[in-house]
C-alpha atoms as a PDB file:
ATOM      1  CA  UNK A   1     102.509  87.915  94.953  1.00  0.00           C
ATOM      2  CA  UNK A   2     101.824  91.639  94.857  1.00  0.00           C
ATOM      3  CA  UNK A   3      98.812  91.296  92.585  1.00  0.00           C
ATOM      4  CA  UNK A   4      97.052  94.205  94.255  1.00  0.00           C
ATOM      5  CA  UNK A   5     100.138  96.199  95.041  1.00  0.00           C
ATOM      6  CA  UNK A   6      99.949  99.947  95.069  1.00  0.00           C
ATOM      7  CA  UNK A   7     101.924 101.087  92.059  1.00  0.00           C
ATOM      8  CA  UNK A   8     101.947 104.687  93.259  1.00  0.00           C
ATOM      9  CA  UNK A   9     104.911 106.357  94.855  1.00  0.00           C
ATOM     10  CA  UNK A  10     105.371 106.607  98.579  1.00  0.00           C
ATOM     11  CA  UNK A  11     104.534 109.593 100.695  1.00  0.00           C
ATOM     12  CA  UNK A  12     105.282 112.743  98.735  1.00  0.00           C
ATOM     13  CA  UNK A  13     106.024 116.288  99.819  1.00  0.00           C
ATOM     14  CA  UNK A  14     103.755 119.267  99.404  1.00  0.00           C
ATOM     15  CA  UNK A  15     101.110 121.094 101.369  1.00  0.00           C
ATOM     16  CA  UNK A  16     100.073 119.066 104.366  1.00  0.00           C
ATOM     17  CA  UNK A  17     102.799 116.475 103.793  1.00  0.00           C
ATOM     18  CA  UNK A  18     103.896 116.601 107.454  1.00  0.00           C
ATOM     19  CA  UNK A  19     100.410 115.935 108.802  1.00  0.00           C
ATOM     20  CA  UNK A  20      99.783 113.280 106.139  1.00  0.00           C
ATOM     21  CA  UNK A  21     103.065 111.588 107.013  1.00  0.00           C
ATOM     22  CA  UNK A  22     102.243 111.605 110.712  1.00  0.00           C
ATOM     23  CA  UNK A  23      98.791 110.173 110.042  1.00  0.00           C
ATOM     24  CA  UNK A  24     100.233 107.427 107.824  1.00  0.00           C
ATOM     25  CA  UNK A  25     102.762 106.481 110.508  1.00  0.00           C
ATOM     26  CA  UNK A  26      99.923 106.324 113.057  1.00  0.00           C
ATOM     27  CA  UNK A  27      97.796 104.229 110.690  1.00  0.00           C
ATOM     28  CA  UNK A  28     100.747 101.918 110.096  1.00  0.00           C
ATOM     29  CA  UNK A  29     101.378 101.460 113.825  1.00  0.00           C
ATOM     30  CA  UNK A  30      97.723 100.581 114.347  1.00  0.00           C
ATOM     31  CA  UNK A  31      97.854  98.101 111.467  1.00  0.00           C
ATOM     32  CA  UNK A  32     100.999  96.514 112.931  1.00  0.00           C
ATOM     33  CA  UNK A  33      99.463  96.216 116.409  1.00  0.00           C
ATOM     34  CA  UNK A  34      96.342  94.555 114.998  1.00  0.00           C
ATOM     35  CA  UNK A  35      98.450  92.206 112.834  1.00  0.00           C
ATOM     36  CA  UNK A  36     100.611  91.207 115.800  1.00  0.00           C
ATOM     37  CA  UNK A  37      97.543  90.718 118.022  1.00  0.00           C
ATOM     38  CA  UNK A  38      96.194  88.366 115.333  1.00  0.00           C
ATOM     39  CA  UNK A  39      99.458  86.407 115.523  1.00  0.00           C
ATOM     40  CA  UNK A  40     100.440  87.085 111.909  1.00  0.00           C
ATOM     41  CA  UNK A  41     103.776  87.988 110.389  1.00  0.00           C
ATOM     42  CA  UNK A  42     103.961  90.587 107.627  1.00  0.00           C
ATOM     43  CA  UNK A  43     104.521  87.775 105.128  1.00  0.00           C
ATOM     44  CA  UNK A  44     101.481  85.817 106.365  1.00  0.00           C
ATOM     45  CA  UNK A  45      99.236  88.873 106.246  1.00  0.00           C
ATOM     46  CA  UNK A  46     100.520  89.773 102.800  1.00  0.00           C
ATOM     47  CA  UNK A  47      99.774  86.296 101.512  1.00  0.00           C
ATOM     48  CA  UNK A  48      96.234  86.431 102.894  1.00  0.00           C
ATOM     49  CA  UNK A  49      95.451  89.805 101.301  1.00  0.00           C
ATOM     50  CA  UNK A  50      97.352  89.340  98.027  1.00  0.00           C
ATOM     51  CA  UNK A  51     100.208  91.751  98.733  1.00  0.00           C
ATOM     52  CA  UNK A  52     103.904  91.171  99.272  1.00  0.00           C
ATOM     53  CA  UNK A  53     105.646  91.306 102.625  1.00  0.00           C
ATOM     54  CA  UNK A  54     107.557  94.421 101.535  1.00  0.00           C
ATOM     55  CA  UNK A  55     104.304  96.235 100.744  1.00  0.00           C
ATOM     56  CA  UNK A  56     102.835  95.380 104.143  1.00  0.00           C
ATOM     57  CA  UNK A  57     106.056  96.555 105.830  1.00  0.00           C
ATOM     58  CA  UNK A  58     106.036  99.830 103.868  1.00  0.00           C
ATOM     59  CA  UNK A  59     102.442 100.577 104.887  1.00  0.00           C
ATOM     60  CA  UNK A  60     103.181  99.741 108.522  1.00  0.00           C
ATOM     61  CA  UNK A  61     106.163 102.101 108.452  1.00  0.00           C
ATOM     62  CA  UNK A  62     104.105 104.902 106.915  1.00  0.00           C
ATOM     63  CA  UNK A  63     106.167 104.883 103.711  1.00  0.00           C
ATOM     64  CA  UNK A  64     103.309 103.788 101.430  1.00  0.00           C
ATOM     65  CA  UNK A  65      99.708 104.896 101.228  1.00  0.00           C
ATOM     66  CA  UNK A  66      97.424 101.848 101.237  1.00  0.00           C
ATOM     67  CA  UNK A  67      94.661 101.489  98.687  1.00  0.00           C
ATOM     68  CA  UNK A  68      91.116 101.281 100.075  1.00  0.00           C
ATOM     69  CA  UNK A  69      90.812  97.594  99.149  1.00  0.00           C
ATOM     70  CA  UNK A  70      93.975  96.812 101.136  1.00  0.00           C
ATOM     71  CA  UNK A  71      92.584  98.636 104.173  1.00  0.00           C
ATOM     72  CA  UNK A  72      89.378  96.575 103.940  1.00  0.00           C
ATOM     73  CA  UNK A  73      91.221  93.277 103.489  1.00  0.00           C
ATOM     74  CA  UNK A  74      93.691  93.886 106.316  1.00  0.00           C
ATOM     75  CA  UNK A  75      90.947  94.960 108.726  1.00  0.00           C
ATOM     76  CA  UNK A  76      89.044  91.773 107.903  1.00  0.00           C
ATOM     77  CA  UNK A  77      92.093  89.462 108.203  1.00  0.00           C
ATOM     78  CA  UNK A  78      93.376  90.858 111.504  1.00  0.00           C
ATOM     79  CA  UNK A  79      89.933  91.070 113.107  1.00  0.00           C
ATOM     80  CA  UNK A  80      90.171  94.852 113.281  1.00  0.00           C
ATOM     81  CA  UNK A  81      86.407  95.191 113.730  1.00  0.00           C
ATOM     82  CA  UNK A  82      86.334  98.301 111.564  1.00  0.00           C
ATOM     83  CA  UNK A  83      89.198 100.171 113.236  1.00  0.00           C
ATOM     84  CA  UNK A  84      91.238 100.455 110.039  1.00  0.00           C
ATOM     85  CA  UNK A  85      88.173 100.888 107.835  1.00  0.00           C
ATOM     86  CA  UNK A  86      87.145 103.865 109.971  1.00  0.00           C
ATOM     87  CA  UNK A  87      90.375 105.585 108.909  1.00  0.00           C
ATOM     88  CA  UNK A  88      89.841 105.155 105.151  1.00  0.00           C
ATOM     89  CA  UNK A  89      88.676 108.747 104.756  1.00  0.00           C
ATOM     90  CA  UNK A  90      91.932 110.061 106.204  1.00  0.00           C
ATOM     91  CA  UNK A  91      93.906 107.586 104.097  1.00  0.00           C
ATOM     92  CA  UNK A  92      92.126 108.954 101.021  1.00  0.00           C
ATOM     93  CA  UNK A  93      93.024 112.511 102.040  1.00  0.00           C
ATOM     94  CA  UNK A  94      96.672 111.462 102.299  1.00  0.00           C
ATOM     95  CA  UNK A  95      96.465 109.771  98.899  1.00  0.00           C
ATOM     96  CA  UNK A  96      94.695 112.678  97.200  1.00  0.00           C
ATOM     97  CA  UNK A  97      95.480 115.832  99.170  1.00  0.00           C
ATOM     98  CA  UNK A  98      93.392 118.850  98.295  1.00  0.00           C
ATOM     99  CA  UNK A  99      95.250 121.329  96.227  1.00  0.00           C
ATOM    100  CA  UNK A 100      94.850 124.993  96.958  1.00  0.00           C
ATOM    101  CA  UNK A 101      94.782 126.782  93.623  1.00  0.00           C
ATOM    102  CA  UNK A 102      97.395 129.478  93.129  1.00  0.00           C
ATOM    103  CA  UNK A 103      96.208 133.088  93.371  1.00  0.00           C
ATOM    104  CA  UNK A 104      95.040 134.575  90.072  1.00  0.00           C
ATOM    105  CA  UNK A 105      97.688 136.307  88.002  1.00  0.00           C
ATOM    106  CA  UNK A 106      96.747 139.869  87.085  1.00  0.00           C
ATOM    107  CA  UNK A 107      96.393 140.483  83.365  1.00  0.00           C
ATOM    108  CA  UNK A 108      99.331 142.304  81.790  1.00  0.00           C
ATOM    109  CA  UNK A 109      98.860 146.010  81.189  1.00  0.00           C
ATOM    110  CA  UNK A 110      96.277 146.513  83.944  1.00  0.00           C
ATOM    111  CA  UNK A 111      96.938 148.679  86.832  1.00  0.00           C
END
């Protein structure tokens, strides 16, 4: 039932990967706490938002970056009152980290 599943890879390395990973683990813990407070299992939440239990578990463990529509749906289903939605900007930064361009290469023969 993973109709809206994130087909992208999990958390990848690179510049800022450590801080992104820590943020995603924090986001996942918050999502789990809200889900549990709502009395839902991962499977029940997944069914309500159109994702599989494994996808919900991966997001809660910080191994997958949730899509914005999943963040919205989960916040709504668990009664998060905007807590998860407020973190969408940081989720987007983790999904699309800014890339620092490499320094320019001097032209050959100059110097």
